[in-house]
C-alpha atoms as a PDB file:
ATOM      1  CA  MET A   1     174.365 -47.392 176.752  1.00  0.00           C
ATOM      2  CA  ASN A   2     176.148 -50.104 174.720  1.00  0.00           C
ATOM      3  CA  GLY A   3     173.399 -52.573 175.614  1.00  0.00           C
ATOM      4  CA  LEU A   4     170.735 -50.201 174.304  1.00  0.00           C
ATOM      5  CA  ALA A   5     172.656 -49.684 171.053  1.00  0.00           C
ATOM      6  CA  LEU A   6     173.042 -53.437 170.562  1.00  0.00           C
ATOM      7  CA  PHE A   7     169.347 -53.978 171.261  1.00  0.00           C
ATOM      8  CA  SER A   8     168.440 -51.287 168.707  1.00  0.00           C
ATOM      9  CA  VAL A   9     170.601 -52.910 166.031  1.00  0.00           C
ATOM     10  CA  LEU A  10     169.171 -56.373 166.711  1.00  0.00           C
ATOM     11  CA  ALA A  11     165.581 -55.125 166.778  1.00  0.00           C
ATOM     12  CA  THR A  12     166.078 -53.261 163.503  1.00  0.00           C
ATOM     13  CA  SER A  13     167.622 -56.355 161.918  1.00  0.00           C
ATOM     14  CA  LEU A  14     164.573 -58.401 162.841  1.00  0.00           C
ATOM     15  CA  VAL A  15     162.187 -55.858 161.360  1.00  0.00           C
ATOM     16  CA  VAL A  16     163.945 -55.637 157.988  1.00  0.00           C
ATOM     17  CA  ALA A  17     164.684 -59.371 157.692  1.00  0.00           C
ATOM     18  CA  THR A  18     162.099 -60.974 155.437  1.00  0.00           C
ATOM     19  CA  PRO A  19     162.175 -64.601 154.342  1.00  0.00           C
ATOM     20  CA  ASP A  20     162.866 -65.275 150.665  1.00  0.00           C
ATOM     21  CA  SER A  21     159.679 -66.671 149.093  1.00  0.00           C
ATOM     22  CA  ALA A  22     161.701 -68.473 146.425  1.00  0.00           C
ATOM     23  CA  THR A  23     163.499 -70.435 149.154  1.00  0.00           C
ATOM     24  CA  TYR A  24     160.802 -70.842 151.815  1.00  0.00           C
ATOM     25  CA  GLY A  25     157.551 -70.635 149.833  1.00  0.00           C
ATOM     26  CA  PRO A  26     154.780 -68.069 150.152  1.00  0.00           C
ATOM     27  CA  VAL A  27     154.141 -66.216 153.389  1.00  0.00           C
ATOM     28  CA  LEU A  28     151.262 -67.849 155.245  1.00  0.00           C
ATOM     29  CA  LYS A  29     148.575 -65.883 157.048  1.00  0.00           C
ATOM     30  CA  SER A  30     148.068 -66.977 160.639  1.00  0.00           C
ATOM     31  CA  GLN A  31     144.615 -67.648 162.019  1.00  0.00           C
ATOM     32  CA  VAL A  32     143.101 -68.934 165.229  1.00  0.00           C
ATOM     33  CA  VAL A  33     141.687 -72.442 164.931  1.00  0.00           C
ATOM     34  CA  GLU A  34     138.796 -73.361 167.203  1.00  0.00           C
ATOM     35  CA  GLY A  35     139.963 -75.805 169.860  1.00  0.00           C
ATOM     36  CA  SER A  36     143.544 -74.582 169.896  1.00  0.00           C
ATOM     37  CA  SER A  37     145.245 -72.533 172.574  1.00  0.00           C
ATOM     38  CA  GLY A  38     148.086 -71.139 170.500  1.00  0.00           C
ATOM     39  CA  CYS A  39     151.280 -72.866 169.539  1.00  0.00           C
ATOM     40  CA  THR A  40     155.000 -72.383 169.159  1.00  0.00           C
ATOM     41  CA  ALA A  41     155.655 -75.178 166.652  1.00  0.00           C
ATOM     42  CA  VAL A  42     153.700 -77.072 164.009  1.00  0.00           C
ATOM     43  CA  GLU A  43     154.373 -80.134 161.886  1.00  0.00           C
ATOM     44  CA  VAL A  44     152.338 -81.682 159.088  1.00  0.00           C
ATOM     45  CA  ALA A  45     152.569 -85.446 158.711  1.00  0.00           C
ATOM     46  CA  GLY A  46     150.222 -87.232 156.356  1.00  0.00           C
ATOM     47  CA  ASP A  47     146.626 -86.249 157.066  1.00  0.00           C
ATOM     48  CA  TYR A  48     147.400 -84.492 160.347  1.00  0.00           C
ATOM     49  CA  LEU A  49     148.765 -81.200 161.628  1.00  0.00           C
ATOM     50  CA  TYR A  50     150.427 -81.322 165.046  1.00  0.00           C
ATOM     51  CA  ALA A  51     150.546 -78.063 167.030  1.00  0.00           C
ATOM     52  CA  ALA A  52     152.700 -77.902 170.167  1.00  0.00           C
ATOM     53  CA  GLY A  53     152.775 -75.124 172.703  1.00  0.00           C
ATOM     54  CA  ASP A  54     152.649 -74.211 176.379  1.00  0.00           C
ATOM     55  CA  GLY A  55     152.642 -77.787 177.657  1.00  0.00           C
ATOM     56  CA  SER A  56     150.112 -79.055 175.130  1.00  0.00           C
ATOM     57  CA  LEU A  57     149.948 -80.971 171.869  1.00  0.00           C
ATOM     58  CA  THR A  58     146.895 -80.568 169.640  1.00  0.00           C
ATOM     59  CA  VAL A  59     146.289 -82.771 166.596  1.00  0.00           C
ATOM     60  CA  PHE A  60     144.108 -81.643 163.686  1.00  0.00           C
ATOM     61  CA  GLU A  61     142.867 -83.700 160.717  1.00  0.00           C
ATOM     62  CA  ILE A  62     143.494 -81.511 157.659  1.00  0.00           C
ATOM     63  CA  THR A  63     142.691 -83.520 154.523  1.00  0.00           C
ATOM     64  CA  SER A  64     138.887 -83.413 154.395  1.00  0.00           C
ATOM     65  CA  ASP A  65     138.711 -79.584 154.639  1.00  0.00           C
ATOM     66  CA  PRO A  66     142.121 -77.901 155.009  1.00  0.00           C
ATOM     67  CA  ALA A  67     140.538 -74.467 155.531  1.00  0.00           C
ATOM     68  CA  HIS A  68     138.640 -75.811 158.558  1.00  0.00           C
ATOM     69  CA  PRO A  69     140.811 -78.348 160.432  1.00  0.00           C
ATOM     70  CA  LYS A  70     139.066 -80.707 162.857  1.00  0.00           C
END
């Protein structure tokens, strides 16, 4: 029973925890990008966005049209 109580507290904490926009910037909406298979981490460096996940690394050029990465 103690494990269930701990799980409930942790799950509730995750639901009510919201990042502070003043510290972290605005909340970004996620979207599926054609040619990607999902990711667990992203990094922007220069003109490129690097998306890593599930044994893969996908690189997108983002400067010419950021709304539609290539």
